[in-house]
């Protein structure tokens, strides 16, 4: 898998994620499983409940098929069904 090219088209729901950088300092270090995704946000299921994180404000560390990938949330913006279609 060509990680950077294909991660933007990968299904995010079900992936483990860590917020490694955020404009909202209280979100840095937030980790959990992605349980929902919208055009501009993802919802993480954490040990403290569900947390909504805006994509444009963060850098995520994702565990994809056993590999750790860091990606700017801005690259993941857009509706999931439309993002998957982009070439």
PDB file of N, CA and C in Angstrom:
ATOM      1  N   UNK A   1       0.839  -1.186   0.000  1.00  0.00           N
ATOM      2  CA  UNK A   1       0.000   0.000   0.000  1.00  0.00           C
ATOM      3  C   UNK A   1       0.877   1.239   0.000  1.00  0.00           C
ATOM      4  N   UNK A   2       0.676   2.112  -0.936  1.00  0.00           N
ATOM      5  CA  UNK A   2       1.380   3.389  -0.951  1.00  0.00           C
ATOM      6  C   UNK A   2       0.677   4.266   0.064  1.00  0.00           C
ATOM      7  N   UNK A   3       1.263   4.359   1.244  1.00  0.00           N
ATOM      8  CA  UNK A   3       0.572   4.889   2.400  1.00  0.00           C
ATOM      9  C   UNK A   3      -0.011   6.285   2.214  1.00  0.00           C
ATOM     10  N   UNK A   4       0.776   7.273   1.869  1.00  0.00           N
ATOM     11  CA  UNK A   4       0.254   8.637   1.831  1.00  0.00           C
ATOM     12  C   UNK A   4      -0.801   8.807   0.747  1.00  0.00           C
ATOM     13  N   UNK A   5      -0.549   8.257  -0.434  1.00  0.00           N
ATOM     14  CA  UNK A   5      -1.513   8.388  -1.517  1.00  0.00           C
ATOM     15  C   UNK A   5      -2.815   7.679  -1.187  1.00  0.00           C
ATOM     16  N   UNK A   6      -2.727   6.498  -0.635  1.00  0.00           N
ATOM     17  CA  UNK A   6      -3.910   5.685  -0.430  1.00  0.00           C
ATOM     18  C   UNK A   6      -4.612   5.941   0.890  1.00  0.00           C
ATOM     19  N   UNK A   7      -3.934   6.505   1.869  1.00  0.00           N
ATOM     20  CA  UNK A   7      -4.595   6.731   3.153  1.00  0.00           C
ATOM     21  C   UNK A   7      -5.734   7.726   3.015  1.00  0.00           C
ATOM     22  N   UNK A   8      -5.614   8.667   2.098  1.00  0.00           N
ATOM     23  CA  UNK A   8      -6.688   9.634   1.914  1.00  0.00           C
ATOM     24  C   UNK A   8      -7.940   8.971   1.347  1.00  0.00           C
ATOM     25  N   UNK A   9      -7.806   7.812   0.728  1.00  0.00           N
ATOM     26  CA  UNK A   9      -8.940   7.083   0.163  1.00  0.00           C
ATOM     27  C   UNK A   9      -9.363   5.907   1.043  1.00  0.00           C
ATOM     28  N   UNK A  10      -8.630   5.659   2.097  1.00  0.00           N
ATOM     29  CA  UNK A  10      -8.894   4.528   2.984  1.00  0.00           C
ATOM     30  C   UNK A  10     -10.091   4.812   3.884  1.00  0.00           C
ATOM     31  N   UNK A  11     -10.834   3.787   4.230  1.00  0.00           N
ATOM     32  CA  UNK A  11     -11.931   3.912   5.198  1.00  0.00           C
ATOM     33  C   UNK A  11     -11.332   4.171   6.573  1.00  0.00           C
ATOM     34  N   UNK A  12     -11.746   5.245   7.231  1.00  0.00           N
ATOM     35  CA  UNK A  12     -11.172   5.616   8.522  1.00  0.00           C
ATOM     36  C   UNK A  12     -11.892   4.973   9.704  1.00  0.00           C
ATOM     37  N   UNK A  13     -13.173   4.684   9.547  1.00  0.00           N
ATOM     38  CA  UNK A  13     -13.932   4.108  10.660  1.00  0.00           C
ATOM     39  C   UNK A  13     -13.344   2.751  11.022  1.00  0.00           C
ATOM     40  N   UNK A  14     -13.055   2.600  12.307  1.00  0.00           N
ATOM     41  CA  UNK A  14     -12.467   1.360  12.809  1.00  0.00           C
ATOM     42  C   UNK A  14     -10.977   1.454  13.061  1.00  0.00           C
ATOM     43  N   UNK A  15     -10.334   2.510  12.548  1.00  0.00           N
ATOM     44  CA  UNK A  15      -8.896   2.669  12.759  1.00  0.00           C
ATOM     45  C   UNK A  15      -8.613   3.258  14.133  1.00  0.00           C
ATOM     46  N   UNK A  16      -7.506   2.842  14.733  1.00  0.00           N
ATOM     47  CA  UNK A  16      -7.045   3.468  15.971  1.00  0.00           C
ATOM     48  C   UNK A  16      -6.307   4.745  15.598  1.00  0.00           C
ATOM     49  N   UNK A  17      -6.581   5.816  16.337  1.00  0.00           N
ATOM     50  CA  UNK A  17      -6.001   7.120  16.012  1.00  0.00           C
ATOM     51  C   UNK A  17      -5.520   7.823  17.273  1.00  0.00           C
ATOM     52  N   UNK A  18      -4.478   8.633  17.086  1.00  0.00           N
ATOM     53  CA  UNK A  18      -3.966   9.494  18.144  1.00  0.00           C
ATOM     54  C   UNK A  18      -3.849  10.894  17.551  1.00  0.00           C
ATOM     55  N   UNK A  19      -4.309  11.895  18.296  1.00  0.00           N
ATOM     56  CA  UNK A  19      -4.149  13.288  17.874  1.00  0.00           C
ATOM     57  C   UNK A  19      -2.777  13.721  18.389  1.00  0.00           C
ATOM     58  N   UNK A  20      -1.808  13.880  17.472  1.00  0.00           N
ATOM     59  CA  UNK A  20      -0.447  14.222  17.889  1.00  0.00           C
ATOM     60  C   UNK A  20      -0.206  15.730  17.895  1.00  0.00           C
ATOM     61  N   UNK A  21      -1.035  16.464  17.154  1.00  0.00           N
ATOM     62  CA  UNK A  21      -0.898  17.919  17.125  1.00  0.00           C
ATOM     63  C   UNK A  21      -2.275  18.499  16.857  1.00  0.00           C
ATOM     64  N   UNK A  22      -2.611  19.577  17.573  1.00  0.00           N
ATOM     65  CA  UNK A  22      -3.917  20.192  17.393  1.00  0.00           C
ATOM     66  C   UNK A  22      -3.845  21.664  17.760  1.00  0.00           C
ATOM     67  N   UNK A  23      -4.687  22.466  17.108  1.00  0.00           N
ATOM     68  CA  UNK A  23      -4.785  23.867  17.490  1.00  0.00           C
ATOM     69  C   UNK A  23      -5.504  23.990  18.836  1.00  0.00           C
ATOM     70  N   UNK A  24      -6.254  22.968  19.211  1.00  0.00           N
ATOM     71  CA  UNK A  24      -6.901  22.901  20.519  1.00  0.00           C
ATOM     72  C   UNK A  24      -6.023  22.019  21.411  1.00  0.00           C
ATOM     73  N   UNK A  25      -5.253  22.631  22.295  1.00  0.00           N
ATOM     74  CA  UNK A  25      -4.274  21.888  23.103  1.00  0.00           C
ATOM     75  C   UNK A  25      -4.893  20.795  23.957  1.00  0.00           C
ATOM     76  N   UNK A  26      -6.171  20.922  24.312  1.00  0.00           N
ATOM     77  CA  UNK A  26      -6.807  19.884  25.122  1.00  0.00           C
ATOM     78  C   UNK A  26      -7.037  18.595  24.332  1.00  0.00           C
ATOM     79  N   UNK A  27      -6.949  18.666  22.994  1.00  0.00           N
ATOM     80  CA  UNK A  27      -7.132  17.467  22.170  1.00  0.00           C
ATOM     81  C   UNK A  27      -5.824  16.727  21.899  1.00  0.00           C
ATOM     82  N   UNK A  28      -4.679  17.361  22.121  1.00  0.00           N
ATOM     83  CA  UNK A  28      -3.407  16.692  21.866  1.00  0.00           C
ATOM     84  C   UNK A  28      -3.277  15.484  22.782  1.00  0.00           C
ATOM     85  N   UNK A  29      -2.870  14.374  22.201  1.00  0.00           N
ATOM     86  CA  UNK A  29      -2.718  13.142  22.963  1.00  0.00           C
ATOM     87  C   UNK A  29      -3.991  12.321  23.047  1.00  0.00           C
ATOM     88  N   UNK A  30      -5.091  12.848  22.538  1.00  0.00           N
ATOM     89  CA  UNK A  30      -6.357  12.126  22.544  1.00  0.00           C
ATOM     90  C   UNK A  30      -6.211  10.885  21.679  1.00  0.00           C
ATOM     91  N   UNK A  31      -6.615   9.734  22.216  1.00  0.00           N
ATOM     92  CA  UNK A  31      -6.498   8.514  21.415  1.00  0.00           C
ATOM     93  C   UNK A  31      -7.715   7.640  21.584  1.00  0.00           C
ATOM     94  N   UNK A  32      -8.010   6.927  20.521  1.00  0.00           N
ATOM     95  CA  UNK A  32      -9.159   6.038  20.530  1.00  0.00           C
ATOM     96  C   UNK A  32      -9.409   5.487  19.144  1.00  0.00           C
ATOM     97  N   UNK A  33     -10.533   4.810  19.007  1.00  0.00           N
ATOM     98  CA  UNK A  33     -10.920   4.216  17.732  1.00  0.00           C
ATOM     99  C   UNK A  33     -11.896   5.170  17.041  1.00  0.00           C
ATOM    100  N   UNK A  34     -11.717   5.363  15.742  1.00  0.00           N
ATOM    101  CA  UNK A  34     -12.617   6.217  14.973  1.00  0.00           C
ATOM    102  C   UNK A  34     -13.928   5.456  14.778  1.00  0.00           C
ATOM    103  N   UNK A  35     -15.034   6.056  15.268  1.00  0.00           N
ATOM    104  CA  UNK A  35     -16.330   5.387  15.177  1.00  0.00           C
ATOM    105  C   UNK A  35     -17.299   6.094  14.238  1.00  0.00           C
ATOM    106  N   UNK A  36     -16.982   7.322  13.842  1.00  0.00           N
ATOM    107  CA  UNK A  36     -17.840   8.048  12.913  1.00  0.00           C
ATOM    108  C   UNK A  36     -17.001   9.100  12.210  1.00  0.00           C
ATOM    109  N   UNK A  37     -17.439   9.468  11.012  1.00  0.00           N
ATOM    110  CA  UNK A  37     -16.719  10.466  10.228  1.00  0.00           C
ATOM    111  C   UNK A  37     -17.722  11.294   9.447  1.00  0.00           C
ATOM    112  N   UNK A  38     -17.497  12.611   9.432  1.00  0.00           N
ATOM    113  CA  UNK A  38     -18.299  13.508   8.605  1.00  0.00           C
ATOM    114  C   UNK A  38     -17.348  14.253   7.676  1.00  0.00           C
ATOM    115  N   UNK A  39     -17.896  15.192   6.941  1.00  0.00           N
ATOM    116  CA  UNK A  39     -17.103  15.987   6.009  1.00  0.00           C
ATOM    117  C   UNK A  39     -15.932  16.681   6.693  1.00  0.00           C
ATOM    118  N   UNK A  40     -16.154  17.195   7.901  1.00  0.00           N
ATOM    119  CA  UNK A  40     -15.112  18.005   8.535  1.00  0.00           C
ATOM    120  C   UNK A  40     -14.647  17.494   9.899  1.00  0.00           C
ATOM    121  N   UNK A  41     -15.139  16.338  10.346  1.00  0.00           N
ATOM    122  CA  UNK A  41     -14.733  15.857  11.664  1.00  0.00           C
ATOM    123  C   UNK A  41     -14.716  14.327  11.739  1.00  0.00           C
ATOM    124  N   UNK A  42     -14.075  13.842  12.790  1.00  0.00           N
ATOM    125  CA  UNK A  42     -14.136  12.422  13.122  1.00  0.00           C
ATOM    126  C   UNK A  42     -14.547  12.312  14.587  1.00  0.00           C
ATOM    127  N   UNK A  43     -15.154  11.207  14.940  1.00  0.00           N
ATOM    128  CA  UNK A  43     -15.533  10.951  16.322  1.00  0.00           C
ATOM    129  C   UNK A  43     -14.679   9.792  16.820  1.00  0.00           C
ATOM    130  N   UNK A  44     -13.958  10.040  17.922  1.00  0.00           N
ATOM    131  CA  UNK A  44     -13.116   9.018  18.529  1.00  0.00           C
ATOM    132  C   UNK A  44     -13.819   8.438  19.741  1.00  0.00           C
ATOM    133  N   UNK A  45     -13.827   7.116  19.848  1.00  0.00           N
ATOM    134  CA  UNK A  45     -14.313   6.438  21.049  1.00  0.00           C
ATOM    135  C   UNK A  45     -13.101   6.290  21.959  1.00  0.00           C
ATOM    136  N   UNK A  46     -13.064   7.076  23.036  1.00  0.00           N
ATOM    137  CA  UNK A  46     -11.940   7.067  23.966  1.00  0.00           C
ATOM    138  C   UNK A  46     -12.366   6.392  25.261  1.00  0.00           C
ATOM    139  N   UNK A  47     -11.439   6.249  26.189  1.00  0.00           N
ATOM    140  CA  UNK A  47     -11.794   5.654  27.479  1.00  0.00           C
ATOM    141  C   UNK A  47     -12.706   6.574  28.282  1.00  0.00           C
ATOM    142  N   UNK A  48     -12.766   7.844  27.897  1.00  0.00           N
ATOM    143  CA  UNK A  48     -13.630   8.824  28.571  1.00  0.00           C
ATOM    144  C   UNK A  48     -14.876   9.167  27.769  1.00  0.00           C
ATOM    145  N   UNK A  49     -15.228   8.350  26.808  1.00  0.00           N
ATOM    146  CA  UNK A  49     -16.412   8.602  25.986  1.00  0.00           C
ATOM    147  C   UNK A  49     -16.042   9.055  24.583  1.00  0.00           C
ATOM    148  N   UNK A  50     -17.043   9.480  23.848  1.00  0.00           N
ATOM    149  CA  UNK A  50     -16.836   9.903  22.460  1.00  0.00           C
ATOM    150  C   UNK A  50     -16.427  11.367  22.395  1.00  0.00           C
ATOM    151  N   UNK A  51     -15.435  11.642  21.547  1.00  0.00           N
ATOM    152  CA  UNK A  51     -14.914  13.003  21.371  1.00  0.00           C
ATOM    153  C   UNK A  51     -14.905  13.336  19.885  1.00  0.00           C
ATOM    154  N   UNK A  52     -15.454  14.480  19.529  1.00  0.00           N
ATOM    155  CA  UNK A  52     -15.451  14.937  18.133  1.00  0.00           C
ATOM    156  C   UNK A  52     -14.225  15.818  17.914  1.00  0.00           C
ATOM    157  N   UNK A  53     -13.499  15.545  16.837  1.00  0.00           N
ATOM    158  CA  UNK A  53     -12.274  16.277  16.514  1.00  0.00           C
ATOM    159  C   UNK A  53     -12.398  16.812  15.092  1.00  0.00           C
ATOM    160  N   UNK A  54     -12.196  18.119  14.928  1.00  0.00           N
ATOM    161  CA  UNK A  54     -12.220  18.704  13.590  1.00  0.00           C
ATOM    162  C   UNK A  54     -10.972  18.292  12.826  1.00  0.00           C
ATOM    163  N   UNK A  55     -11.143  17.869  11.592  1.00  0.00           N
ATOM    164  CA  UNK A  55     -10.024  17.374  10.781  1.00  0.00           C
ATOM    165  C   UNK A  55      -9.005  18.461  10.464  1.00  0.00           C
ATOM    166  N   UNK A  56      -9.478  19.670  10.140  1.00  0.00           N
ATOM    167  CA  UNK A  56      -8.564  20.703   9.660  1.00  0.00           C
ATOM    168  C   UNK A  56      -7.596  21.195  10.718  1.00  0.00           C
ATOM    169  N   UNK A  57      -7.873  20.935  11.979  1.00  0.00           N
ATOM    170  CA  UNK A  57      -7.068  21.483  13.060  1.00  0.00           C
ATOM    171  C   UNK A  57      -6.012  20.527  13.614  1.00  0.00           C
ATOM    172  N   UNK A  58      -5.893  19.326  13.071  1.00  0.00           N
ATOM    173  CA  UNK A  58      -5.070  18.309  13.737  1.00  0.00           C
ATOM    174  C   UNK A  58      -4.134  17.569  12.796  1.00  0.00           C
ATOM    175  N   UNK A  59      -3.185  16.878  13.424  1.00  0.00           N
ATOM    176  CA  UNK A  59      -2.364  15.875  12.748  1.00  0.00           C
ATOM    177  C   UNK A  59      -2.676  14.568  13.461  1.00  0.00           C
ATOM    178  N   UNK A  60      -3.062  13.563  12.686  1.00  0.00           N
ATOM    179  CA  UNK A  60      -3.406  12.260  13.237  1.00  0.00           C
ATOM    180  C   UNK A  60      -2.261  11.271  13.060  1.00  0.00           C
ATOM    181  N   UNK A  61      -2.153  10.368  13.999  1.00  0.00           N
ATOM    182  CA  UNK A  61      -1.310   9.181  13.864  1.00  0.00           C
ATOM    183  C   UNK A  61      -2.289   8.023  13.771  1.00  0.00           C
ATOM    184  N   UNK A  62      -2.323   7.348  12.628  1.00  0.00           N
ATOM    185  CA  UNK A  62      -3.270   6.276  12.388  1.00  0.00           C
ATOM    186  C   UNK A  62      -2.555   4.938  12.305  1.00  0.00           C
ATOM    187  N   UNK A  63      -3.192   3.914  12.817  1.00  0.00           N
ATOM    188  CA  UNK A  63      -2.674   2.553  12.691  1.00  0.00           C
ATOM    189  C   UNK A  63      -3.437   1.900  11.548  1.00  0.00           C
ATOM    190  N   UNK A  64      -2.757   1.762  10.390  1.00  0.00           N
ATOM    191  CA  UNK A  64      -3.382   1.220   9.192  1.00  0.00           C
ATOM    192  C   UNK A  64      -2.683  -0.088   8.835  1.00  0.00           C
ATOM    193  N   UNK A  65      -3.430  -1.185   8.952  1.00  0.00           N
ATOM    194  CA  UNK A  65      -2.898  -2.503   8.603  1.00  0.00           C
ATOM    195  C   UNK A  65      -1.570  -2.773   9.301  1.00  0.00           C
ATOM    196  N   UNK A  66      -1.471  -2.399  10.568  1.00  0.00           N
ATOM    197  CA  UNK A  66      -0.270  -2.650  11.361  1.00  0.00           C
ATOM    198  C   UNK A  66       0.849  -1.646  11.156  1.00  0.00           C
ATOM    199  N   UNK A  67       0.629  -0.648  10.327  1.00  0.00           N
ATOM    200  CA  UNK A  67       1.637   0.394  10.087  1.00  0.00           C
ATOM    201  C   UNK A  67       1.148   1.707  10.670  1.00  0.00           C
ATOM    202  N   UNK A  68       2.066   2.454  11.256  1.00  0.00           N
ATOM    203  CA  UNK A  68       1.741   3.755  11.826  1.00  0.00           C
ATOM    204  C   UNK A  68       1.958   4.831  10.766  1.00  0.00           C
ATOM    205  N   UNK A  69       0.923   5.634  10.531  1.00  0.00           N
ATOM    206  CA  UNK A  69       0.956   6.677   9.507  1.00  0.00           C
ATOM    207  C   UNK A  69       0.554   7.993  10.148  1.00  0.00           C
ATOM    208  N   UNK A  70       1.344   9.035   9.924  1.00  0.00           N
ATOM    209  CA  UNK A  70       0.973  10.373  10.385  1.00  0.00           C
ATOM    210  C   UNK A  70       0.456  11.157   9.182  1.00  0.00           C
ATOM    211  N   UNK A  71      -0.680  11.823   9.378  1.00  0.00           N
ATOM    212  CA  UNK A  71      -1.277  12.564   8.267  1.00  0.00           C
ATOM    213  C   UNK A  71      -1.999  13.797   8.799  1.00  0.00           C
ATOM    214  N   UNK A  72      -1.903  14.882   8.058  1.00  0.00           N
ATOM    215  CA  UNK A  72      -2.626  16.096   8.414  1.00  0.00           C
ATOM    216  C   UNK A  72      -4.110  15.863   8.153  1.00  0.00           C
ATOM    217  N   UNK A  73      -4.907  16.231   9.125  1.00  0.00           N
ATOM    218  CA  UNK A  73      -6.347  16.058   8.989  1.00  0.00           C
ATOM    219  C   UNK A  73      -6.924  16.812   7.812  1.00  0.00           C
ATOM    220  N   UNK A  74      -6.301  17.923   7.442  1.00  0.00           N
ATOM    221  CA  UNK A  74      -6.771  18.719   6.308  1.00  0.00           C
ATOM    222  C   UNK A  74      -6.821  17.881   5.023  1.00  0.00           C
ATOM    223  N   UNK A  75      -5.908  16.919   4.883  1.00  0.00           N
ATOM    224  CA  UNK A  75      -5.897  16.051   3.704  1.00  0.00           C
ATOM    225  C   UNK A  75      -7.067  15.070   3.703  1.00  0.00           C
ATOM    226  N   UNK A  76      -7.692  14.882   4.851  1.00  0.00           N
ATOM    227  CA  UNK A  76      -8.806  13.945   4.977  1.00  0.00           C
ATOM    228  C   UNK A  76     -10.159  14.632   4.907  1.00  0.00           C
ATOM    229  N   UNK A  77     -10.158  15.970   4.739  1.00  0.00           N
ATOM    230  CA  UNK A  77     -11.419  16.697   4.687  1.00  0.00           C
ATOM    231  C   UNK A  77     -12.235  16.295   3.468  1.00  0.00           C
ATOM    232  N   UNK A  78     -13.527  16.354   3.621  1.00  0.00           N
ATOM    233  CA  UNK A  78     -14.459  15.995   2.557  1.00  0.00           C
ATOM    234  C   UNK A  78     -15.329  14.841   3.004  1.00  0.00           C
ATOM    235  N   UNK A  79     -16.420  14.674   2.324  1.00  0.00           N
ATOM    236  CA  UNK A  79     -17.313  13.570   2.657  1.00  0.00           C
ATOM    237  C   UNK A  79     -16.591  12.251   2.366  1.00  0.00           C
ATOM    238  N   UNK A  80     -16.719  11.292   3.275  1.00  0.00           N
ATOM    239  CA  UNK A  80     -16.004  10.022   3.098  1.00  0.00           C
ATOM    240  C   UNK A  80     -16.290   9.363   1.758  1.00  0.00           C
ATOM    241  N   UNK A  81     -17.544   9.356   1.333  1.00  0.00           N
ATOM    242  CA  UNK A  81     -17.886   8.692   0.074  1.00  0.00           C
ATOM    243  C   UNK A  81     -17.312   9.424  -1.130  1.00  0.00           C
ATOM    244  N   UNK A  82     -17.122  10.724  -1.035  1.00  0.00           N
ATOM    245  CA  UNK A  82     -16.515  11.481  -2.134  1.00  0.00           C
ATOM    246  C   UNK A  82     -15.004  11.374  -2.102  1.00  0.00           C
ATOM    247  N   UNK A  83     -14.412  11.356  -0.904  1.00  0.00           N
ATOM    248  CA  UNK A  83     -12.970  11.268  -0.764  1.00  0.00           C
ATOM    249  C   UNK A  83     -12.455   9.940  -1.317  1.00  0.00           C
ATOM    250  N   UNK A  84     -13.219   8.886  -1.160  1.00  0.00           N
ATOM    251  CA  UNK A  84     -12.809   7.564  -1.637  1.00  0.00           C
ATOM    252  C   UNK A  84     -12.753   7.543  -3.158  1.00  0.00           C
ATOM    253  N   UNK A  85     -13.614   8.317  -3.828  1.00  0.00           N
ATOM    254  CA  UNK A  85     -13.665   8.345  -5.285  1.00  0.00           C
ATOM    255  C   UNK A  85     -12.533   9.147  -5.922  1.00  0.00           C
ATOM    256  N   UNK A  86     -11.911  10.061  -5.178  1.00  0.00           N
ATOM    257  CA  UNK A  86     -10.886  10.952  -5.744  1.00  0.00           C
ATOM    258  C   UNK A  86      -9.681  10.147  -6.198  1.00  0.00           C
ATOM    259  N   UNK A  87      -9.192  10.476  -7.392  1.00  0.00           N
ATOM    260  CA  UNK A  87      -8.025   9.756  -7.927  1.00  0.00           C
ATOM    261  C   UNK A  87      -6.762  10.492  -7.599  1.00  0.00           C
TER     262      UNK A  87
END
